[in-house]
Amino acid sequence: MTSDAATLSPASSVLLGDDDPPPFRATRGNESSPFVITCDHAGRRLPRGLEMLGLSAAQLETHVAWDIGAAGVGVRLAAELGAFLVLQTYSRLVIDCNRPLGTPDSIVKESERVVIPGNRDVSPSEAEARARAIFHPYHDCIRGELDRRRGRPTIFVALHTFTPVFMGVARPWHVGILYQRDARLARALLELLREDAALVVGDNEPYRVSDQTDYGVVHYGERRGLPHVELEIRQDLVADDAGQAHWAERMARALRRASAMFLE
């Protein structure tokens, strides 16, 4: 990630060896920007000690392991908005940073018919080690930035991508706008994006936010009372540099306009 902004470095942990990368990458952006962007599923790395969780290299390249294109869109979107950005390094198969700890989807045993051998018999102490190494440092970084910004206008954006076909069912949406209790920013974005008649925009599709299945929106948007939204972009649209640049520019324009009401 290129930047003249400060780069933040998390602490090491027992699970992560000296040759494993840190659990997140973050850049500060511009102090005047209200945007904080998170990318929970940006990476697909596995700690060396987990021995690929019993999966093949080919399986770890698929959407089962990460949100394809999300990191590329995130870097470009943050540059467009001057935003604070944090990217999670490790695969969600190690531990999902957008799931509450202890829930069945926190450390999945199976994902879209792909069995995860290394997750079948994870003990409580092993789950805690994964949380201590990856989940907690990542979220400590986000909390630290939001705490630092108290009293300043702040808009929280959780960035994700979704596979165009899931369990054999095609998904028609180009982008999904997700929310739960507070739809202020989401509604404004839905209205703006639907000005383009060629764009299929999902209203809480292909997923819905809930306390059981989401972490960022609930803890950083709703509980802090910040304007917020979760964005889901279809992966085939952002699989290459051109698509990532296009969608970053599109979403930056929409976010600027939709957020104006919160910055007056």
C-alpha atoms as a PDB file:
ATOM      1  CA  MET A   1       0.000   0.000   0.000  1.00  0.00           C
ATOM      2  CA  THR A   2       1.535   3.294  -0.981  1.00  0.00           C
ATOM      3  CA  SER A   3       1.070   6.336   1.188  1.00  0.00           C
ATOM      4  CA  ASP A   4       2.863   9.167   2.893  1.00  0.00           C
ATOM      5  CA  ALA A   5       0.391   8.659   5.714  1.00  0.00           C
ATOM      6  CA  ALA A   6       1.338   6.838   8.896  1.00  0.00           C
ATOM      7  CA  THR A   7       1.381   3.058   8.681  1.00  0.00           C
ATOM      8  CA  LEU A   8       0.168   1.253  11.792  1.00  0.00           C
ATOM      9  CA  SER A   9       1.878  -1.911  13.045  1.00  0.00           C
ATOM     10  CA  PRO A  10       0.074  -4.469  15.223  1.00  0.00           C
ATOM     11  CA  ALA A  11       1.752  -6.544  17.879  1.00  0.00           C
ATOM     12  CA  SER A  12       2.900 -10.097  17.220  1.00  0.00           C
ATOM     13  CA  SER A  13       1.222 -13.176  18.735  1.00  0.00           C
ATOM     14  CA  VAL A  14       1.833 -16.826  19.488  1.00  0.00           C
ATOM     15  CA  LEU A  15      -0.082 -18.131  16.464  1.00  0.00           C
ATOM     16  CA  LEU A  16       1.763 -15.879  14.041  1.00  0.00           C
ATOM     17  CA  GLY A  17       5.408 -16.748  13.582  1.00  0.00           C
ATOM     18  CA  ASP A  18       8.206 -14.399  12.666  1.00  0.00           C
ATOM     19  CA  ASP A  19       7.720 -15.196   8.980  1.00  0.00           C
ATOM     20  CA  ASP A  20       3.945 -14.585   9.065  1.00  0.00           C
ATOM     21  CA  PRO A  21       2.698 -11.115   8.072  1.00  0.00           C
ATOM     22  CA  PRO A  22       0.856  -8.937  10.614  1.00  0.00           C
ATOM     23  CA  PRO A  23      -2.935  -9.359  10.858  1.00  0.00           C
ATOM     24  CA  PHE A  24      -3.828  -6.065   9.203  1.00  0.00           C
ATOM     25  CA  ARG A  25      -2.579  -3.169   7.106  1.00  0.00           C
ATOM     26  CA  ALA A  26      -3.826   0.318   7.797  1.00  0.00           C
ATOM     27  CA  THR A  27      -3.245   3.811   6.456  1.00  0.00           C
ATOM     28  CA  ARG A  28      -4.350   6.991   8.125  1.00  0.00           C
ATOM     29  CA  GLY A  29      -5.501   8.936   5.060  1.00  0.00           C
ATOM     30  CA  ASN A  30      -6.308  12.629   5.331  1.00  0.00           C
ATOM     31  CA  GLU A  31      -7.216  14.059   8.724  1.00  0.00           C
ATOM     32  CA  SER A  32      -9.980  16.114   7.112  1.00  0.00           C
ATOM     33  CA  SER A  33     -11.764  13.069   5.644  1.00  0.00           C
ATOM     34  CA  PRO A  34     -14.753  11.776   7.628  1.00  0.00           C
ATOM     35  CA  PHE A  35     -14.539   8.270   6.140  1.00  0.00           C
ATOM     36  CA  VAL A  36     -13.337   5.141   7.924  1.00  0.00           C
ATOM     37  CA  ILE A  37     -13.287   2.095   5.620  1.00  0.00           C
ATOM     38  CA  THR A  38     -12.837  -1.488   6.796  1.00  0.00           C
ATOM     39  CA  CYS A  39     -12.254  -4.573   4.682  1.00  0.00           C
ATOM     40  CA  ASP A  40     -12.784  -7.636   6.884  1.00  0.00           C
ATOM     41  CA  HIS A  41     -12.107 -10.207   4.154  1.00  0.00           C
ATOM     42  CA  ALA A  42      -9.377  -8.496   2.156  1.00  0.00           C
ATOM     43  CA  GLY A  43      -6.773 -11.250   2.478  1.00  0.00           C
ATOM     44  CA  ARG A  44      -6.431 -14.981   2.040  1.00  0.00           C
ATOM     45  CA  ARG A  45      -3.210 -15.685   3.918  1.00  0.00           C
ATOM     46  CA  LEU A  46      -3.012 -18.523   6.435  1.00  0.00           C
ATOM     47  CA  PRO A  47      -0.608 -18.684   9.367  1.00  0.00           C
ATOM     48  CA  ARG A  48       2.163 -21.106   8.472  1.00  0.00           C
ATOM     49  CA  GLY A  49       1.402 -23.196  11.543  1.00  0.00           C
ATOM     50  CA  LEU A  50      -2.127 -24.015  10.321  1.00  0.00           C
ATOM     51  CA  GLU A  51      -0.758 -25.902   7.284  1.00  0.00           C
ATOM     52  CA  MET A  52      -3.318 -24.509   4.813  1.00  0.00           C
ATOM     53  CA  LEU A  53      -6.169 -25.903   6.946  1.00  0.00           C
ATOM     54  CA  GLY A  54      -6.043 -29.023   4.787  1.00  0.00           C
ATOM     55  CA  LEU A  55      -7.111 -27.121   1.657  1.00  0.00           C
ATOM     56  CA  SER A  56      -5.474 -26.869  -1.752  1.00  0.00           C
ATOM     57  CA  ALA A  57      -3.863 -23.722  -3.111  1.00  0.00           C
ATOM     58  CA  ALA A  58      -6.618 -23.591  -5.746  1.00  0.00           C
ATOM     59  CA  GLN A  59      -9.361 -23.649  -3.096  1.00  0.00           C
ATOM     60  CA  LEU A  60      -7.675 -20.803  -1.232  1.00  0.00           C
ATOM     61  CA  GLU A  61      -7.836 -18.650  -4.348  1.00  0.00           C
ATOM     62  CA  THR A  62     -11.649 -18.843  -4.492  1.00  0.00           C
ATOM     63  CA  HIS A  63     -14.271 -16.704  -2.758  1.00  0.00           C
ATOM     64  CA  VAL A  64     -14.510 -19.350  -0.049  1.00  0.00           C
ATOM     65  CA  ALA A  65     -11.296 -17.941   1.424  1.00  0.00           C
ATOM     66  CA  TRP A  66     -11.684 -14.189   0.837  1.00  0.00           C
ATOM     67  CA  ASP A  67     -13.611 -11.364  -0.822  1.00  0.00           C
ATOM     68  CA  ILE A  68     -12.133 -11.271  -4.318  1.00  0.00           C
ATOM     69  CA  GLY A  69     -11.386  -7.717  -5.462  1.00  0.00           C
ATOM     70  CA  ALA A  70     -12.219  -6.119  -2.134  1.00  0.00           C
ATOM     71  CA  ALA A  71      -8.686  -5.032  -1.259  1.00  0.00           C
ATOM     72  CA  GLY A  72      -8.150  -3.437  -4.666  1.00  0.00           C
ATOM     73  CA  VAL A  73     -11.413  -1.525  -4.454  1.00  0.00           C
ATOM     74  CA  GLY A  74     -10.675  -0.567  -0.856  1.00  0.00           C
ATOM     75  CA  VAL A  75      -7.262   0.927  -1.602  1.00  0.00           C
ATOM     76  CA  ARG A  76      -8.650   2.928  -4.527  1.00  0.00           C
ATOM     77  CA  LEU A  77     -11.787   4.020  -2.669  1.00  0.00           C
ATOM     78  CA  ALA A  78      -9.717   5.197   0.299  1.00  0.00           C
ATOM     79  CA  ALA A  79      -7.474   7.170  -2.043  1.00  0.00           C
ATOM     80  CA  GLU A  80     -10.512   8.807  -3.664  1.00  0.00           C
ATOM     81  CA  LEU A  81     -11.992   9.790  -0.304  1.00  0.00           C
ATOM     82  CA  GLY A  82      -8.793  10.390   1.666  1.00  0.00           C
ATOM     83  CA  ALA A  83     -10.182   7.792   4.075  1.00  0.00           C
ATOM     84  CA  PHE A  84      -8.673   5.839   6.931  1.00  0.00           C
ATOM     85  CA  LEU A  85      -8.450   2.263   5.649  1.00  0.00           C
ATOM     86  CA  VAL A  86      -7.802  -1.046   7.380  1.00  0.00           C
ATOM     87  CA  LEU A  87      -7.378  -4.308   5.453  1.00  0.00           C
ATOM     88  CA  GLN A  88      -7.489  -7.708   7.157  1.00  0.00           C
ATOM     89  CA  THR A  89      -4.575  -9.897   6.028  1.00  0.00           C
ATOM     90  CA  TYR A  90      -5.739 -13.420   6.827  1.00  0.00           C
ATOM     91  CA  SER A  91      -8.417 -15.621   5.312  1.00  0.00           C
ATOM     92  CA  ARG A  92     -11.821 -15.597   6.960  1.00  0.00           C
ATOM     93  CA  LEU A  93     -11.361 -19.379   7.199  1.00  0.00           C
ATOM     94  CA  VAL A  94      -8.873 -18.818  10.037  1.00  0.00           C
ATOM     95  CA  ILE A  95     -11.339 -16.611  11.902  1.00  0.00           C
ATOM     96  CA  ASP A  96     -13.996 -14.346  10.433  1.00  0.00           C
ATOM     97  CA  CYS A  97     -13.503 -10.748  11.516  1.00  0.00           C
ATOM     98  CA  ASN A  98     -17.102  -9.896  10.578  1.00  0.00           C
ATOM     99  CA  ARG A  99     -18.664 -12.478  12.878  1.00  0.00           C
ATOM    100  CA  PRO A 100     -19.141 -12.348  16.651  1.00  0.00           C
ATOM    101  CA  LEU A 101     -16.707 -14.621  18.450  1.00  0.00           C
ATOM    102  CA  GLY A 102     -18.159 -17.980  19.453  1.00  0.00           C
ATOM    103  CA  THR A 103     -20.849 -18.081  16.767  1.00  0.00           C
ATOM    104  CA  PRO A 104     -20.891 -21.017  14.297  1.00  0.00           C
ATOM    105  CA  ASP A 105     -19.653 -18.782  11.463  1.00  0.00           C
ATOM    106  CA  SER A 106     -16.726 -17.387  13.433  1.00  0.00           C
ATOM    107  CA  ILE A 107     -14.597 -20.434  12.521  1.00  0.00           C
ATOM    108  CA  VAL A 108     -16.472 -22.332   9.844  1.00  0.00           C
ATOM    109  CA  LYS A 109     -16.262 -26.082   9.329  1.00  0.00           C
ATOM    110  CA  GLU A 110     -17.759 -25.900   5.831  1.00  0.00           C
ATOM    111  CA  SER A 111     -18.213 -23.098   3.302  1.00  0.00           C
ATOM    112  CA  GLU A 112     -20.423 -23.557   0.229  1.00  0.00           C
ATOM    113  CA  ARG A 113     -19.938 -27.351   0.244  1.00  0.00           C
ATOM    114  CA  VAL A 114     -16.180 -27.032   0.801  1.00  0.00           C
ATOM    115  CA  VAL A 115     -15.221 -28.867   3.986  1.00  0.00           C
ATOM    116  CA  ILE A 116     -12.449 -27.149   5.977  1.00  0.00           C
ATOM    117  CA  PRO A 117     -10.482 -30.042   7.515  1.00  0.00           C
ATOM    118  CA  GLY A 118      -8.364 -27.817   9.749  1.00  0.00           C
ATOM    119  CA  ASN A 119     -11.484 -26.331  11.353  1.00  0.00           C
ATOM    120  CA  ARG A 120     -13.292 -29.561  12.219  1.00  0.00           C
ATOM    121  CA  ASP A 121     -11.886 -29.985  15.723  1.00  0.00           C
ATOM    122  CA  VAL A 122     -10.804 -26.544  16.885  1.00  0.00           C
ATOM    123  CA  SER A 123     -10.599 -26.491  20.684  1.00  0.00           C
ATOM    124  CA  PRO A 124     -11.678 -23.466  22.741  1.00  0.00           C
ATOM    125  CA  SER A 125      -8.037 -22.652  23.450  1.00  0.00           C
ATOM    126  CA  GLU A 126      -7.166 -22.866  19.748  1.00  0.00           C
ATOM    127  CA  ALA A 127     -10.117 -20.619  18.871  1.00  0.00           C
ATOM    128  CA  GLU A 128      -8.945 -18.125  21.484  1.00  0.00           C
ATOM    129  CA  ALA A 129      -5.428 -18.204  20.026  1.00  0.00           C
ATOM    130  CA  ARG A 130      -6.821 -17.329  16.588  1.00  0.00           C
ATOM    131  CA  ALA A 131      -8.905 -14.514  18.072  1.00  0.00           C
ATOM    132  CA  ARG A 132      -5.934 -13.186  20.045  1.00  0.00           C
ATOM    133  CA  ALA A 133      -3.660 -13.264  17.001  1.00  0.00           C
ATOM    134  CA  ILE A 134      -5.994 -11.881  14.332  1.00  0.00           C
ATOM    135  CA  PHE A 135      -9.478 -10.812  15.434  1.00  0.00           C
ATOM    136  CA  HIS A 136      -8.524  -8.659  18.426  1.00  0.00           C
ATOM    137  CA  PRO A 137      -5.596  -6.740  16.847  1.00  0.00           C
ATOM    138  CA  TYR A 138      -7.695  -5.962  13.778  1.00  0.00           C
ATOM    139  CA  HIS A 139     -10.620  -4.668  15.815  1.00  0.00           C
ATOM    140  CA  ASP A 140      -8.356  -2.867  18.287  1.00  0.00           C
ATOM    141  CA  CYS A 141      -7.050  -0.907  15.301  1.00  0.00           C
ATOM    142  CA  ILE A 142     -10.569   0.072  14.222  1.00  0.00           C
ATOM    143  CA  ARG A 143     -11.691   0.967  17.738  1.00  0.00           C
ATOM    144  CA  GLY A 144      -8.543   2.988  18.286  1.00  0.00           C
ATOM    145  CA  GLU A 145      -9.153   5.066  15.182  1.00  0.00           C
ATOM    146  CA  LEU A 146     -12.817   5.658  16.014  1.00  0.00           C
ATOM    147  CA  ASP A 147     -11.917   6.633  19.580  1.00  0.00           C
ATOM    148  CA  ARG A 148      -9.270   9.023  18.252  1.00  0.00           C
ATOM    149  CA  ARG A 149     -11.884  10.701  16.073  1.00  0.00           C
ATOM    150  CA  ARG A 150     -14.451  11.294  18.816  1.00  0.00           C
ATOM    151  CA  GLY A 151     -16.168  14.625  18.352  1.00  0.00           C
ATOM    152  CA  ARG A 152     -15.337  14.760  14.631  1.00  0.00           C
ATOM    153  CA  PRO A 153     -17.704  13.867  11.783  1.00  0.00           C
ATOM    154  CA  THR A 154     -17.139  10.172  11.044  1.00  0.00           C
ATOM    155  CA  ILE A 155     -18.774   7.873   8.501  1.00  0.00           C
ATOM    156  CA  PHE A 156     -18.190   4.131   8.782  1.00  0.00           C
ATOM    157  CA  VAL A 157     -18.078   2.025   5.599  1.00  0.00           C
ATOM    158  CA  ALA A 158     -17.689  -1.770   5.687  1.00  0.00           C
ATOM    159  CA  LEU A 159     -16.553  -2.975   2.261  1.00  0.00           C
ATOM    160  CA  HIS A 160     -17.196  -6.503   0.972  1.00  0.00           C
ATOM    161  CA  THR A 161     -17.655  -8.397  -2.300  1.00  0.00           C
ATOM    162  CA  PHE A 162     -19.903 -11.352  -3.123  1.00  0.00           C
ATOM    163  CA  THR A 163     -19.722 -14.249  -5.554  1.00  0.00           C
ATOM    164  CA  PRO A 164     -21.996 -14.017  -8.639  1.00  0.00           C
ATOM    165  CA  VAL A 165     -23.224 -17.592  -8.093  1.00  0.00           C
ATOM    166  CA  PHE A 166     -23.815 -19.139  -4.671  1.00  0.00           C
ATOM    167  CA  MET A 167     -24.915 -22.751  -4.105  1.00  0.00           C
ATOM    168  CA  GLY A 168     -25.800 -22.929  -7.796  1.00  0.00           C
ATOM    169  CA  VAL A 169     -28.043 -19.846  -7.743  1.00  0.00           C
ATOM    170  CA  ALA A 170     -27.114 -16.806  -9.870  1.00  0.00           C
ATOM    171  CA  ARG A 171     -27.209 -13.419  -8.177  1.00  0.00           C
ATOM    172  CA  PRO A 172     -28.443 -10.575 -10.391  1.00  0.00           C
ATOM    173  CA  TRP A 173     -27.321  -7.619  -8.260  1.00  0.00           C
ATOM    174  CA  HIS A 174     -24.308  -5.557  -9.255  1.00  0.00           C
ATOM    175  CA  VAL A 175     -24.022  -4.063  -5.786  1.00  0.00           C
ATOM    176  CA  GLY A 176     -25.815  -4.523  -2.489  1.00  0.00           C
ATOM    177  CA  ILE A 177     -26.464  -1.880   0.172  1.00  0.00           C
ATOM    178  CA  LEU A 178     -26.715  -3.451   3.619  1.00  0.00           C
ATOM    179  CA  TYR A 179     -27.965  -2.054   6.928  1.00  0.00           C
ATOM    180  CA  GLN A 180     -30.035  -3.030   9.960  1.00  0.00           C
ATOM    181  CA  ARG A 181     -31.464  -0.569  12.502  1.00  0.00           C
ATOM    182  CA  ASP A 182     -30.201   2.676  10.990  1.00  0.00           C
ATOM    183  CA  ALA A 183     -30.906   3.046   7.264  1.00  0.00           C
ATOM    184  CA  ARG A 184     -30.160   6.769   6.852  1.00  0.00           C
ATOM    185  CA  LEU A 185     -26.988   6.482   4.784  1.00  0.00           C
ATOM    186  CA  ALA A 186     -28.098   3.262   3.112  1.00  0.00           C
ATOM    187  CA  ARG A 187     -31.346   4.792   1.861  1.00  0.00           C
ATOM    188  CA  ALA A 188     -29.535   7.782   0.420  1.00  0.00           C
ATOM    189  CA  LEU A 189     -27.070   5.487  -1.381  1.00  0.00           C
ATOM    190  CA  LEU A 190     -29.851   3.287  -2.729  1.00  0.00           C
ATOM    191  CA  GLU A 191     -31.604   6.306  -4.209  1.00  0.00           C
ATOM    192  CA  LEU A 192     -28.431   7.646  -5.816  1.00  0.00           C
ATOM    193  CA  LEU A 193     -27.260   4.349  -7.287  1.00  0.00           C
ATOM    194  CA  ARG A 194     -30.708   3.591  -8.705  1.00  0.00           C
ATOM    195  CA  GLU A 195     -30.500   6.741 -10.796  1.00  0.00           C
ATOM    196  CA  ASP A 196     -28.592   4.479 -13.208  1.00  0.00           C
ATOM    197  CA  ALA A 197     -31.340   2.301 -14.678  1.00  0.00           C
ATOM    198  CA  ALA A 198     -28.802  -0.255 -15.891  1.00  0.00           C
ATOM    199  CA  LEU A 199     -27.578  -0.943 -12.366  1.00  0.00           C
ATOM    200  CA  VAL A 200     -29.237  -3.679 -10.293  1.00  0.00           C
ATOM    201  CA  VAL A 201     -28.932  -2.539  -6.690  1.00  0.00           C
ATOM    202  CA  GLY A 202     -29.782  -4.854  -3.814  1.00  0.00           C
ATOM    203  CA  ASP A 203     -31.633  -3.474  -0.810  1.00  0.00           C
ATOM    204  CA  ASN A 204     -30.232  -5.761   1.914  1.00  0.00           C
ATOM    205  CA  GLU A 205     -29.363  -8.234  -0.843  1.00  0.00           C
ATOM    206  CA  PRO A 206     -27.657 -10.641  -1.248  1.00  0.00           C
ATOM    207  CA  TYR A 207     -27.265 -10.525   2.557  1.00  0.00           C
ATOM    208  CA  ARG A 208     -28.917  -8.869   5.511  1.00  0.00           C
ATOM    209  CA  VAL A 209     -27.118  -7.413   8.512  1.00  0.00           C
ATOM    210  CA  SER A 210     -27.932  -8.961  11.892  1.00  0.00           C
ATOM    211  CA  ASP A 211     -26.425  -9.080  15.365  1.00  0.00           C
ATOM    212  CA  GLN A 212     -25.661 -12.790  14.885  1.00  0.00           C
ATOM    213  CA  THR A 213     -24.032 -12.586  11.448  1.00  0.00           C
ATOM    214  CA  ASP A 214     -22.235  -9.210  11.430  1.00  0.00           C
ATOM    215  CA  TYR A 215     -19.762  -7.378  13.603  1.00  0.00           C
ATOM    216  CA  GLY A 216     -18.604  -4.090  12.061  1.00  0.00           C
ATOM    217  CA  VAL A 217     -21.941  -2.436  11.302  1.00  0.00           C
ATOM    218  CA  VAL A 218     -23.356  -3.455  14.678  1.00  0.00           C
ATOM    219  CA  HIS A 219     -20.419  -2.407  16.853  1.00  0.00           C
ATOM    220  CA  TYR A 220     -19.000   0.566  14.949  1.00  0.00           C
ATOM    221  CA  GLY A 221     -22.063   1.958  13.216  1.00  0.00           C
ATOM    222  CA  GLU A 222     -25.106   1.231  15.337  1.00  0.00           C
ATOM    223  CA  ARG A 223     -23.634   1.126  18.838  1.00  0.00           C
ATOM    224  CA  ARG A 224     -21.586   4.286  18.315  1.00  0.00           C
ATOM    225  CA  GLY A 225     -24.418   6.093  16.533  1.00  0.00           C
ATOM    226  CA  LEU A 226     -22.295   6.794  13.453  1.00  0.00           C
ATOM    227  CA  PRO A 227     -23.672   7.087   9.918  1.00  0.00           C
ATOM    228  CA  HIS A 228     -22.739   3.774   8.348  1.00  0.00           C
ATOM    229  CA  VAL A 229     -23.304   1.297   5.549  1.00  0.00           C
ATOM    230  CA  GLU A 230     -22.077  -2.090   4.401  1.00  0.00           C
ATOM    231  CA  LEU A 231     -21.261  -2.302   0.694  1.00  0.00           C
ATOM    232  CA  GLU A 232     -21.289  -5.566  -1.265  1.00  0.00           C
ATOM    233  CA  ILE A 233     -19.970  -5.488  -4.850  1.00  0.00           C
ATOM    234  CA  ARG A 234     -20.248  -8.504  -7.152  1.00  0.00           C
ATOM    235  CA  GLN A 235     -16.865 -10.128  -7.575  1.00  0.00           C
ATOM    236  CA  ASP A 236     -16.859 -10.592 -11.324  1.00  0.00           C
ATOM    237  CA  LEU A 237     -17.158  -6.788 -11.655  1.00  0.00           C
ATOM    238  CA  VAL A 238     -14.031  -6.112  -9.586  1.00  0.00           C
ATOM    239  CA  ALA A 239     -11.798  -9.052 -10.438  1.00  0.00           C
ATOM    240  CA  ASP A 240      -9.289  -6.881 -12.319  1.00  0.00           C
ATOM    241  CA  ASP A 241      -7.680  -3.465 -11.965  1.00  0.00           C
ATOM    242  CA  ALA A 242     -10.042  -1.767 -14.401  1.00  0.00           C
ATOM    243  CA  GLY A 243     -13.135  -3.005 -12.592  1.00  0.00           C
ATOM    244  CA  GLN A 244     -11.727  -2.068  -9.204  1.00  0.00           C
ATOM    245  CA  ALA A 245     -10.911   1.447 -10.382  1.00  0.00           C
ATOM    246  CA  HIS A 246     -14.360   1.877 -11.949  1.00  0.00           C
ATOM    247  CA  TRP A 247     -16.238   0.772  -8.853  1.00  0.00           C
ATOM    248  CA  ALA A 248     -14.040   2.757  -6.504  1.00  0.00           C
ATOM    249  CA  GLU A 249     -14.776   5.912  -8.487  1.00  0.00           C
ATOM    250  CA  ARG A 250     -18.495   5.102  -8.693  1.00  0.00           C
ATOM    251  CA  MET A 251     -18.820   4.426  -4.973  1.00  0.00           C
ATOM    252  CA  ALA A 252     -16.708   7.446  -4.026  1.00  0.00           C
ATOM    253  CA  ARG A 253     -19.058   9.724  -5.965  1.00  0.00           C
ATOM    254  CA  ALA A 254     -22.125   8.151  -4.391  1.00  0.00           C
ATOM    255  CA  LEU A 255     -20.683   8.202  -0.867  1.00  0.00           C
ATOM    256  CA  ARG A 256     -19.733  11.876  -1.126  1.00  0.00           C
ATOM    257  CA  ARG A 257     -23.246  12.824  -2.216  1.00  0.00           C
ATOM    258  CA  ALA A 258     -25.058  10.530   0.207  1.00  0.00           C
ATOM    259  CA  SER A 259     -22.916  11.661   3.131  1.00  0.00           C
ATOM    260  CA  ALA A 260     -23.386  15.373   2.562  1.00  0.00           C
ATOM    261  CA  MET A 261     -26.420  15.462   4.867  1.00  0.00           C
ATOM    262  CA  PHE A 262     -24.283  14.248   7.789  1.00  0.00           C
ATOM    263  CA  LEU A 263     -21.509  16.780   7.250  1.00  0.00           C
ATOM    264  CA  GLU A 264     -23.458  20.036   7.128  1.00  0.00           C
END
